[in-house]
Amino acid sequence: MSNKPEKERLQKIDEILADFRNSKALQKGFKKLEVAAVWKQVMGANVAALTEQVSLEGDVLRVKFQSSLLREELRFGTAKIVSEMNATLGAAVVREIRWG
């Protein structure tokens, strides 16, 4: 048993949850969930409306569109999109984009 008084050993629930959320094992899972929202934020509402699917598999962002024209147009800006996605996510999460 610890020699610290019980009050000092107790943590606030928000501190415990923050520690849990920040654990390295969970970060990848949270980034996968966050990537669709970040896609909409980075690309804007018009592009997001024409996007059928956004998913993260490892460090590969897979994006499927309703419009093949839009897909081909965005393909030219892949490097910039990867950079903006990573900046918004706050980490180097996306290495490449596979357009579908």
PDB file of N, CA and C in Angstrom:
ATOM      1  N   MET A   1       0.841  -1.175   0.000  1.00  0.00           N
ATOM      2  CA  MET A   1       0.000   0.000   0.000  1.00  0.00           C
ATOM      3  C   MET A   1       0.890   1.244   0.000  1.00  0.00           C
ATOM      4  N   SER A   2       0.456   2.258  -0.702  1.00  0.00           N
ATOM      5  CA  SER A   2       1.202   3.500  -0.829  1.00  0.00           C
ATOM      6  C   SER A   2       1.168   4.290   0.472  1.00  0.00           C
ATOM      7  N   ASN A   3       2.242   5.030   0.710  1.00  0.00           N
ATOM      8  CA  ASN A   3       2.310   5.886   1.895  1.00  0.00           C
ATOM      9  C   ASN A   3       1.612   7.231   1.687  1.00  0.00           C
ATOM     10  N   LYS A   4       1.244   7.535   0.437  1.00  0.00           N
ATOM     11  CA  LYS A   4       0.563   8.788   0.152  1.00  0.00           C
ATOM     12  C   LYS A   4      -0.838   8.747   0.722  1.00  0.00           C
ATOM     13  N   PRO A   5      -1.317   9.882   1.165  1.00  0.00           N
ATOM     14  CA  PRO A   5      -2.711   9.932   1.613  1.00  0.00           C
ATOM     15  C   PRO A   5      -3.637   9.578   0.457  1.00  0.00           C
ATOM     16  N   GLU A   6      -4.776   9.002   0.780  1.00  0.00           N
ATOM     17  CA  GLU A   6      -5.716   8.539  -0.243  1.00  0.00           C
ATOM     18  C   GLU A   6      -6.103   9.644  -1.206  1.00  0.00           C
ATOM     19  N   LYS A   7      -6.286  10.843  -0.733  1.00  0.00           N
ATOM     20  CA  LYS A   7      -6.694  11.969  -1.569  1.00  0.00           C
ATOM     21  C   LYS A   7      -5.665  12.249  -2.661  1.00  0.00           C
ATOM     22  N   GLU A   8      -4.369  12.098  -2.345  1.00  0.00           N
ATOM     23  CA  GLU A   8      -3.319  12.335  -3.327  1.00  0.00           C
ATOM     24  C   GLU A   8      -3.261  11.224  -4.371  1.00  0.00           C
ATOM     25  N   ARG A   9      -3.683  10.020  -4.016  1.00  0.00           N
ATOM     26  CA  ARG A   9      -3.643   8.893  -4.947  1.00  0.00           C
ATOM     27  C   ARG A   9      -4.818   8.888  -5.912  1.00  0.00           C
ATOM     28  N   LEU A  10      -5.880   9.559  -5.565  1.00  0.00           N
ATOM     29  CA  LEU A  10      -7.059   9.589  -6.415  1.00  0.00           C
ATOM     30  C   LEU A  10      -6.854  10.568  -7.568  1.00  0.00           C
ATOM     31  N   GLN A  11      -7.307  10.169  -8.746  1.00  0.00           N
ATOM     32  CA  GLN A  11      -7.243  11.038  -9.903  1.00  0.00           C
ATOM     33  C   GLN A  11      -8.654  11.441 -10.301  1.00  0.00           C
ATOM     34  N   LYS A  12      -8.764  12.578 -10.903  1.00  0.00           N
ATOM     35  CA  LYS A  12     -10.045  12.985 -11.427  1.00  0.00           C
ATOM     36  C   LYS A  12     -10.366  12.140 -12.650  1.00  0.00           C
ATOM     37  N   ILE A  13     -11.650  11.902 -12.870  1.00  0.00           N
ATOM     38  CA  ILE A  13     -12.071  11.061 -13.994  1.00  0.00           C
ATOM     39  C   ILE A  13     -11.621  11.644 -15.326  1.00  0.00           C
ATOM     40  N   ASP A  14     -11.621  12.972 -15.477  1.00  0.00           N
ATOM     41  CA  ASP A  14     -11.184  13.566 -16.738  1.00  0.00           C
ATOM     42  C   ASP A  14      -9.694  13.325 -16.986  1.00  0.00           C
ATOM     43  N   GLU A  15      -8.888  13.259 -15.923  1.00  0.00           N
ATOM     44  CA  GLU A  15      -7.468  12.949 -16.074  1.00  0.00           C
ATOM     45  C   GLU A  15      -7.277  11.498 -16.501  1.00  0.00           C
ATOM     46  N   ILE A  16      -8.061  10.616 -15.921  1.00  0.00           N
ATOM     47  CA  ILE A  16      -7.979   9.196 -16.270  1.00  0.00           C
ATOM     48  C   ILE A  16      -8.385   8.989 -17.719  1.00  0.00           C
ATOM     49  N   LEU A  17      -9.484   9.623 -18.132  1.00  0.00           N
ATOM     50  CA  LEU A  17      -9.947   9.501 -19.517  1.00  0.00           C
ATOM     51  C   LEU A  17      -8.940  10.100 -20.495  1.00  0.00           C
ATOM     52  N   ALA A  18      -8.327  11.211 -20.141  1.00  0.00           N
ATOM     53  CA  ALA A  18      -7.318  11.826 -21.006  1.00  0.00           C
ATOM     54  C   ALA A  18      -6.119  10.896 -21.167  1.00  0.00           C
ATOM     55  N   ASP A  19      -5.671  10.301 -20.066  1.00  0.00           N
ATOM     56  CA  ASP A  19      -4.564   9.345 -20.138  1.00  0.00           C
ATOM     57  C   ASP A  19      -4.934   8.154 -21.016  1.00  0.00           C
ATOM     58  N   PHE A  20      -6.152   7.674 -20.867  1.00  0.00           N
ATOM     59  CA  PHE A  20      -6.632   6.533 -21.646  1.00  0.00           C
ATOM     60  C   PHE A  20      -6.685   6.888 -23.130  1.00  0.00           C
ATOM     61  N   ARG A  21      -7.263   8.040 -23.451  1.00  0.00           N
ATOM     62  CA  ARG A  21      -7.396   8.461 -24.848  1.00  0.00           C
ATOM     63  C   ARG A  21      -6.036   8.710 -25.481  1.00  0.00           C
ATOM     64  N   ASN A  22      -5.088   9.207 -24.706  1.00  0.00           N
ATOM     65  CA  ASN A  22      -3.772   9.531 -25.239  1.00  0.00           C
ATOM     66  C   ASN A  22      -2.838   8.333 -25.323  1.00  0.00           C
ATOM     67  N   SER A  23      -3.295   7.183 -24.886  1.00  0.00           N
ATOM     68  CA  SER A  23      -2.437   6.006 -24.974  1.00  0.00           C
ATOM     69  C   SER A  23      -2.154   5.696 -26.443  1.00  0.00           C
ATOM     70  N   LYS A  24      -0.936   5.306 -26.724  1.00  0.00           N
ATOM     71  CA  LYS A  24      -0.487   5.086 -28.097  1.00  0.00           C
ATOM     72  C   LYS A  24      -1.341   4.048 -28.826  1.00  0.00           C
ATOM     73  N   ALA A  25      -1.776   3.036 -28.128  1.00  0.00           N
ATOM     74  CA  ALA A  25      -2.570   1.974 -28.740  1.00  0.00           C
ATOM     75  C   ALA A  25      -3.902   2.494 -29.284  1.00  0.00           C
ATOM     76  N   LEU A  26      -4.473   3.479 -28.626  1.00  0.00           N
ATOM     77  CA  LEU A  26      -5.771   4.001 -29.058  1.00  0.00           C
ATOM     78  C   LEU A  26      -5.672   5.120 -30.081  1.00  0.00           C
ATOM     79  N   GLN A  27      -4.542   5.767 -30.178  1.00  0.00           N
ATOM     80  CA  GLN A  27      -4.405   6.911 -31.073  1.00  0.00           C
ATOM     81  C   GLN A  27      -4.730   6.565 -32.523  1.00  0.00           C
ATOM     82  N   LYS A  28      -4.261   5.416 -33.010  1.00  0.00           N
ATOM     83  CA  LYS A  28      -4.544   5.028 -34.391  1.00  0.00           C
ATOM     84  C   LYS A  28      -6.037   4.835 -34.613  1.00  0.00           C
ATOM     85  N   GLY A  29      -6.707   4.229 -33.666  1.00  0.00           N
ATOM     86  CA  GLY A  29      -8.147   4.029 -33.784  1.00  0.00           C
ATOM     87  C   GLY A  29      -8.911   5.336 -33.808  1.00  0.00           C
ATOM     88  N   PHE A  30      -8.515   6.272 -32.952  1.00  0.00           N
ATOM     89  CA  PHE A  30      -9.170   7.578 -32.936  1.00  0.00           C
ATOM     90  C   PHE A  30      -8.913   8.325 -34.234  1.00  0.00           C
ATOM     91  N   LYS A  31      -7.716   8.209 -34.790  1.00  0.00           N
ATOM     92  CA  LYS A  31      -7.398   8.877 -36.054  1.00  0.00           C
ATOM     93  C   LYS A  31      -8.248   8.304 -37.183  1.00  0.00           C
ATOM     94  N   LYS A  32      -8.493   6.999 -37.171  1.00  0.00           N
ATOM     95  CA  LYS A  32      -9.352   6.393 -38.190  1.00  0.00           C
ATOM     96  C   LYS A  32     -10.756   6.967 -38.125  1.00  0.00           C
ATOM     97  N   LEU A  33     -11.256   7.180 -36.930  1.00  0.00           N
ATOM     98  CA  LEU A  33     -12.593   7.746 -36.768  1.00  0.00           C
ATOM     99  C   LEU A  33     -12.617   9.223 -37.162  1.00  0.00           C
ATOM    100  N   GLU A  34     -11.534   9.901 -36.919  1.00  0.00           N
ATOM    101  CA  GLU A  34     -11.457  11.339 -37.144  1.00  0.00           C
ATOM    102  C   GLU A  34     -11.249  11.701 -38.614  1.00  0.00           C
ATOM    103  N   VAL A  35     -10.723  10.775 -39.404  1.00  0.00           N
ATOM    104  CA  VAL A  35     -10.292  11.090 -40.761  1.00  0.00           C
ATOM    105  C   VAL A  35     -11.454  11.544 -41.659  1.00  0.00           C
ATOM    106  N   ALA A  36     -12.635  10.999 -41.521  1.00  0.00           N
ATOM    107  CA  ALA A  36     -13.769  11.411 -42.359  1.00  0.00           C
ATOM    108  C   ALA A  36     -14.169  12.853 -42.073  1.00  0.00           C
ATOM    109  N   ALA A  37     -14.179  13.231 -40.813  1.00  0.00           N
ATOM    110  CA  ALA A  37     -14.510  14.613 -40.453  1.00  0.00           C
ATOM    111  C   ALA A  37     -13.431  15.569 -40.949  1.00  0.00           C
ATOM    112  N   VAL A  38     -12.180  15.156 -40.854  1.00  0.00           N
ATOM    113  CA  VAL A  38     -11.075  15.995 -41.315  1.00  0.00           C
ATOM    114  C   VAL A  38     -11.116  16.134 -42.832  1.00  0.00           C
ATOM    115  N   TRP A  39     -11.497  15.061 -43.532  1.00  0.00           N
ATOM    116  CA  TRP A  39     -11.636  15.117 -44.991  1.00  0.00           C
ATOM    117  C   TRP A  39     -12.626  16.223 -45.369  1.00  0.00           C
ATOM    118  N   LYS A  40     -13.766  16.250 -44.721  1.00  0.00           N
ATOM    119  CA  LYS A  40     -14.788  17.259 -45.009  1.00  0.00           C
ATOM    120  C   LYS A  40     -14.256  18.660 -44.699  1.00  0.00           C
ATOM    121  N   GLN A  41     -13.555  18.791 -43.612  1.00  0.00           N
ATOM    122  CA  GLN A  41     -13.004  20.087 -43.213  1.00  0.00           C
ATOM    123  C   GLN A  41     -11.959  20.569 -44.211  1.00  0.00           C
ATOM    124  N   VAL A  42     -11.062  19.693 -44.629  1.00  0.00           N
ATOM    125  CA  VAL A  42      -9.975  20.068 -45.533  1.00  0.00           C
ATOM    126  C   VAL A  42     -10.489  20.311 -46.953  1.00  0.00           C
ATOM    127  N   MET A  43     -11.386  19.455 -47.425  1.00  0.00           N
ATOM    128  CA  MET A  43     -11.829  19.514 -48.814  1.00  0.00           C
ATOM    129  C   MET A  43     -13.046  20.414 -49.037  1.00  0.00           C
ATOM    130  N   GLY A  44     -13.786  20.689 -47.979  1.00  0.00           N
ATOM    131  CA  GLY A  44     -14.959  21.546 -48.115  1.00  0.00           C
ATOM    132  C   GLY A  44     -16.226  20.745 -48.335  1.00  0.00           C
ATOM    133  N   ALA A  45     -17.339  21.397 -48.141  1.00  0.00           N
ATOM    134  CA  ALA A  45     -18.643  20.739 -48.192  1.00  0.00           C
ATOM    135  C   ALA A  45     -18.984  20.205 -49.579  1.00  0.00           C
ATOM    136  N   ASN A  46     -18.606  20.929 -50.645  1.00  0.00           N
ATOM    137  CA  ASN A  46     -18.954  20.488 -52.004  1.00  0.00           C
ATOM    138  C   ASN A  46     -18.266  19.175 -52.375  1.00  0.00           C
ATOM    139  N   VAL A  47     -16.978  19.080 -52.106  1.00  0.00           N
ATOM    140  CA  VAL A  47     -16.242  17.842 -52.398  1.00  0.00           C
ATOM    141  C   VAL A  47     -16.734  16.725 -51.481  1.00  0.00           C
ATOM    142  N   ALA A  48     -16.944  17.050 -50.216  1.00  0.00           N
ATOM    143  CA  ALA A  48     -17.426  16.044 -49.260  1.00  0.00           C
ATOM    144  C   ALA A  48     -18.778  15.476 -49.689  1.00  0.00           C
ATOM    145  N   ALA A  49     -19.621  16.311 -50.265  1.00  0.00           N
ATOM    146  CA  ALA A  49     -20.934  15.853 -50.717  1.00  0.00           C
ATOM    147  C   ALA A  49     -20.821  14.850 -51.871  1.00  0.00           C
ATOM    148  N   LEU A  50     -19.760  14.935 -52.641  1.00  0.00           N
ATOM    149  CA  LEU A  50     -19.551  14.009 -53.760  1.00  0.00           C
ATOM    150  C   LEU A  50     -18.656  12.829 -53.386  1.00  0.00           C
ATOM    151  N   THR A  51     -18.267  12.769 -52.127  1.00  0.00           N
ATOM    152  CA  THR A  51     -17.423  11.686 -51.641  1.00  0.00           C
ATOM    153  C   THR A  51     -18.306  10.572 -51.099  1.00  0.00           C
ATOM    154  N   GLU A  52     -18.125   9.374 -51.617  1.00  0.00           N
ATOM    155  CA  GLU A  52     -18.916   8.220 -51.160  1.00  0.00           C
ATOM    156  C   GLU A  52     -18.324   7.562 -49.931  1.00  0.00           C
ATOM    157  N   GLN A  53     -16.989   7.506 -49.885  1.00  0.00           N
ATOM    158  CA  GLN A  53     -16.344   6.774 -48.789  1.00  0.00           C
ATOM    159  C   GLN A  53     -14.957   7.335 -48.530  1.00  0.00           C
ATOM    160  N   VAL A  54     -14.624   7.456 -47.251  1.00  0.00           N
ATOM    161  CA  VAL A  54     -13.281   7.848 -46.816  1.00  0.00           C
ATOM    162  C   VAL A  54     -12.894   6.894 -45.703  1.00  0.00           C
ATOM    163  N   SER A  55     -11.745   6.239 -45.861  1.00  0.00           N
ATOM    164  CA  SER A  55     -11.292   5.329 -44.810  1.00  0.00           C
ATOM    165  C   SER A  55      -9.774   5.359 -44.739  1.00  0.00           C
ATOM    166  N   LEU A  56      -9.269   5.008 -43.585  1.00  0.00           N
ATOM    167  CA  LEU A  56      -7.829   4.970 -43.357  1.00  0.00           C
ATOM    168  C   LEU A  56      -7.435   3.527 -43.075  1.00  0.00           C
ATOM    169  N   GLU A  57      -6.555   2.999 -43.902  1.00  0.00           N
ATOM    170  CA  GLU A  57      -6.038   1.642 -43.729  1.00  0.00           C
ATOM    171  C   GLU A  57      -4.533   1.750 -43.546  1.00  0.00           C
ATOM    172  N   GLY A  58      -4.105   1.619 -42.310  1.00  0.00           N
ATOM    173  CA  GLY A  58      -2.694   1.851 -42.008  1.00  0.00           C
ATOM    174  C   GLY A  58      -2.422   3.328 -42.185  1.00  0.00           C
ATOM    175  N   ASP A  59      -1.534   3.666 -43.128  1.00  0.00           N
ATOM    176  CA  ASP A  59      -1.264   5.073 -43.421  1.00  0.00           C
ATOM    177  C   ASP A  59      -1.737   5.460 -44.825  1.00  0.00           C
ATOM    178  N   VAL A  60      -2.650   4.651 -45.372  1.00  0.00           N
ATOM    179  CA  VAL A  60      -3.199   4.896 -46.702  1.00  0.00           C
ATOM    180  C   VAL A  60      -4.646   5.375 -46.574  1.00  0.00           C
ATOM    181  N   LEU A  61      -4.899   6.551 -47.108  1.00  0.00           N
ATOM    182  CA  LEU A  61      -6.247   7.105 -47.129  1.00  0.00           C
ATOM    183  C   LEU A  61      -6.917   6.631 -48.407  1.00  0.00           C
ATOM    184  N   ARG A  62      -8.053   5.966 -48.267  1.00  0.00           N
ATOM    185  CA  ARG A  62      -8.814   5.501 -49.426  1.00  0.00           C
ATOM    186  C   ARG A  62     -10.040   6.383 -49.571  1.00  0.00           C
ATOM    187  N   VAL A  63     -10.191   6.939 -50.786  1.00  0.00           N
ATOM    188  CA  VAL A  63     -11.288   7.859 -51.040  1.00  0.00           C
ATOM    189  C   VAL A  63     -12.008   7.420 -52.303  1.00  0.00           C
ATOM    190  N   LYS A  64     -13.334   7.299 -52.196  1.00  0.00           N
ATOM    191  CA  LYS A  64     -14.162   6.896 -53.332  1.00  0.00           C
ATOM    192  C   LYS A  64     -15.155   8.017 -53.624  1.00  0.00           C
ATOM    193  N   PHE A  65     -15.291   8.361 -54.902  1.00  0.00           N
ATOM    194  CA  PHE A  65     -16.148   9.462 -55.319  1.00  0.00           C
ATOM    195  C   PHE A  65     -17.314   9.001 -56.180  1.00  0.00           C
ATOM    196  N   GLN A  66     -18.322   9.842 -56.246  1.00  0.00           N
ATOM    197  CA  GLN A  66     -19.435   9.640 -57.168  1.00  0.00           C
ATOM    198  C   GLN A  66     -19.035  10.072 -58.574  1.00  0.00           C
ATOM    199  N   SER A  67     -18.072  10.956 -58.678  1.00  0.00           N
ATOM    200  CA  SER A  67     -17.680  11.556 -59.949  1.00  0.00           C
ATOM    201  C   SER A  67     -16.248  11.179 -60.314  1.00  0.00           C
ATOM    202  N   SER A  68     -16.075  10.550 -61.465  1.00  0.00           N
ATOM    203  CA  SER A  68     -14.725  10.204 -61.919  1.00  0.00           C
ATOM    204  C   SER A  68     -13.953  11.462 -62.322  1.00  0.00           C
ATOM    205  N   LEU A  69     -14.656  12.480 -62.790  1.00  0.00           N
ATOM    206  CA  LEU A  69     -14.009  13.744 -63.136  1.00  0.00           C
ATOM    207  C   LEU A  69     -13.389  14.396 -61.904  1.00  0.00           C
ATOM    208  N   LEU A  70     -14.114  14.423 -60.823  1.00  0.00           N
ATOM    209  CA  LEU A  70     -13.599  14.994 -59.579  1.00  0.00           C
ATOM    210  C   LEU A  70     -12.398  14.190 -59.086  1.00  0.00           C
ATOM    211  N   ARG A  71     -12.502  12.883 -59.152  1.00  0.00           N
ATOM    212  CA  ARG A  71     -11.395  12.024 -58.725  1.00  0.00           C
ATOM    213  C   ARG A  71     -10.127  12.360 -59.498  1.00  0.00           C
ATOM    214  N   GLU A  72     -10.241  12.479 -60.813  1.00  0.00           N
ATOM    215  CA  GLU A  72      -9.070  12.761 -61.647  1.00  0.00           C
ATOM    216  C   GLU A  72      -8.520  14.161 -61.374  1.00  0.00           C
ATOM    217  N   GLU A  73      -9.398  15.120 -61.135  1.00  0.00           N
ATOM    218  CA  GLU A  73      -8.954  16.473 -60.838  1.00  0.00           C
ATOM    219  C   GLU A  73      -8.195  16.529 -59.518  1.00  0.00           C
ATOM    220  N   LEU A  74      -8.713  15.847 -58.504  1.00  0.00           N
ATOM    221  CA  LEU A  74      -8.064  15.854 -57.189  1.00  0.00           C
ATOM    222  C   LEU A  74      -6.766  15.057 -57.176  1.00  0.00           C
ATOM    223  N   ARG A  75      -6.653  14.099 -58.049  1.00  0.00           N
ATOM    224  CA  ARG A  75      -5.435  13.278 -58.124  1.00  0.00           C
ATOM    225  C   ARG A  75      -4.193  14.148 -58.327  1.00  0.00           C
ATOM    226  N   PHE A  76      -4.354  15.244 -59.078  1.00  0.00           N
ATOM    227  CA  PHE A  76      -3.222  16.136 -59.332  1.00  0.00           C
ATOM    228  C   PHE A  76      -2.750  16.861 -58.078  1.00  0.00           C
ATOM    229  N   GLY A  77      -3.610  16.995 -57.091  1.00  0.00           N
ATOM    230  CA  GLY A  77      -3.248  17.684 -55.854  1.00  0.00           C
ATOM    231  C   GLY A  77      -2.994  16.759 -54.683  1.00  0.00           C
ATOM    232  N   THR A  78      -2.672  15.504 -54.960  1.00  0.00           N
ATOM    233  CA  THR A  78      -2.513  14.505 -53.907  1.00  0.00           C
ATOM    234  C   THR A  78      -1.521  14.929 -52.820  1.00  0.00           C
ATOM    235  N   ALA A  79      -0.350  15.401 -53.211  1.00  0.00           N
ATOM    236  CA  ALA A  79       0.680  15.771 -52.223  1.00  0.00           C
ATOM    237  C   ALA A  79       0.176  16.876 -51.295  1.00  0.00           C
ATOM    238  N   LYS A  80      -0.501  17.859 -51.866  1.00  0.00           N
ATOM    239  CA  LYS A  80      -1.026  18.966 -51.052  1.00  0.00           C
ATOM    240  C   LYS A  80      -2.127  18.472 -50.115  1.00  0.00           C
ATOM    241  N   ILE A  81      -2.984  17.584 -50.598  1.00  0.00           N
ATOM    242  CA  ILE A  81      -4.069  17.047 -49.774  1.00  0.00           C
ATOM    243  C   ILE A  81      -3.500  16.240 -48.615  1.00  0.00           C
ATOM    244  N   VAL A  82      -2.499  15.408 -48.886  1.00  0.00           N
ATOM    245  CA  VAL A  82      -1.843  14.629 -47.826  1.00  0.00           C
ATOM    246  C   VAL A  82      -1.274  15.574 -46.770  1.00  0.00           C
ATOM    247  N   SER A  83      -0.603  16.618 -47.211  1.00  0.00           N
ATOM    248  CA  SER A  83      -0.004  17.581 -46.292  1.00  0.00           C
ATOM    249  C   SER A  83      -1.066  18.270 -45.436  1.00  0.00           C
ATOM    250  N   GLU A  84      -2.157  18.700 -46.051  1.00  0.00           N
ATOM    251  CA  GLU A  84      -3.219  19.385 -45.317  1.00  0.00           C
ATOM    252  C   GLU A  84      -3.946  18.447 -44.360  1.00  0.00           C
ATOM    253  N   MET A  85      -4.158  17.216 -44.779  1.00  0.00           N
ATOM    254  CA  MET A  85      -4.802  16.229 -43.895  1.00  0.00           C
ATOM    255  C   MET A  85      -3.941  16.011 -42.656  1.00  0.00           C
ATOM    256  N   ASN A  86      -2.645  15.798 -42.849  1.00  0.00           N
ATOM    257  CA  ASN A  86      -1.740  15.555 -41.722  1.00  0.00           C
ATOM    258  C   ASN A  86      -1.643  16.766 -40.800  1.00  0.00           C
ATOM    259  N   ALA A  87      -1.621  17.954 -41.382  1.00  0.00           N
ATOM    260  CA  ALA A  87      -1.558  19.170 -40.566  1.00  0.00           C
ATOM    261  C   ALA A  87      -2.816  19.288 -39.706  1.00  0.00           C
ATOM    262  N   THR A  88      -3.964  18.993 -40.287  1.00  0.00           N
ATOM    263  CA  THR A  88      -5.217  19.094 -39.542  1.00  0.00           C
ATOM    264  C   THR A  88      -5.329  17.990 -38.500  1.00  0.00           C
ATOM    265  N   LEU A  89      -4.851  16.797 -38.824  1.00  0.00           N
ATOM    266  CA  LEU A  89      -4.870  15.686 -37.868  1.00  0.00           C
ATOM    267  C   LEU A  89      -3.828  15.862 -36.761  1.00  0.00           C
ATOM    268  N   GLY A  90      -2.842  16.707 -37.001  1.00  0.00           N
ATOM    269  CA  GLY A  90      -1.825  16.973 -35.989  1.00  0.00           C
ATOM    270  C   GLY A  90      -0.731  15.934 -35.914  1.00  0.00           C
ATOM    271  N   ALA A  91      -0.632  15.099 -36.939  1.00  0.00           N
ATOM    272  CA  ALA A  91       0.408  14.062 -36.979  1.00  0.00           C
ATOM    273  C   ALA A  91       0.518  13.531 -38.403  1.00  0.00           C
ATOM    274  N   ALA A  92       1.634  12.875 -38.694  1.00  0.00           N
ATOM    275  CA  ALA A  92       1.834  12.268 -40.011  1.00  0.00           C
ATOM    276  C   ALA A  92       1.067  10.950 -40.075  1.00  0.00           C
ATOM    277  N   VAL A  93      -0.226  11.040 -40.276  1.00  0.00           N
ATOM    278  CA  VAL A  93      -1.112   9.881 -40.280  1.00  0.00           C
ATOM    279  C   VAL A  93      -1.252   9.312 -41.681  1.00  0.00           C
ATOM    280  N   VAL A  94      -1.371  10.188 -42.688  1.00  0.00           N
ATOM    281  CA  VAL A  94      -1.598   9.780 -44.072  1.00  0.00           C
ATOM    282  C   VAL A  94      -0.286   9.860 -44.840  1.00  0.00           C
ATOM    283  N   ARG A  95       0.106   8.743 -45.460  1.00  0.00           N
ATOM    284  CA  ARG A  95       1.317   8.700 -46.282  1.00  0.00           C
ATOM    285  C   ARG A  95       0.970   8.807 -47.759  1.00  0.00           C
ATOM    286  N   GLU A  96      -0.154   8.206 -48.145  1.00  0.00           N
ATOM    287  CA  GLU A  96      -0.582   8.246 -49.538  1.00  0.00           C
ATOM    288  C   GLU A  96      -2.105   8.179 -49.621  1.00  0.00           C
ATOM    289  N   ILE A  97      -2.606   8.532 -50.796  1.00  0.00           N
ATOM    290  CA  ILE A  97      -4.051   8.457 -51.043  1.00  0.00           C
ATOM    291  C   ILE A  97      -4.264   7.515 -52.219  1.00  0.00           C
ATOM    292  N   ARG A  98      -5.209   6.632 -52.068  1.00  0.00           N
ATOM    293  CA  ARG A  98      -5.639   5.759 -53.169  1.00  0.00           C
ATOM    294  C   ARG A  98      -7.050   6.178 -53.548  1.00  0.00           C
ATOM    295  N   TRP A  99      -7.174   6.609 -54.782  1.00  0.00           N
ATOM    296  CA  TRP A  99      -8.439   7.143 -55.275  1.00  0.00           C
ATOM    297  C   TRP A  99      -9.268   6.027 -55.878  1.00  0.00           C
ATOM    298  N   GLY A 100     -10.544   5.997 -55.562  1.00  0.00           N
ATOM    299  CA  GLY A 100     -11.414   4.960 -56.112  1.00  0.00           C
ATOM    300  C   GLY A 100     -12.679   5.524 -56.664  1.00  0.00           C
TER     301      GLY A 100
END
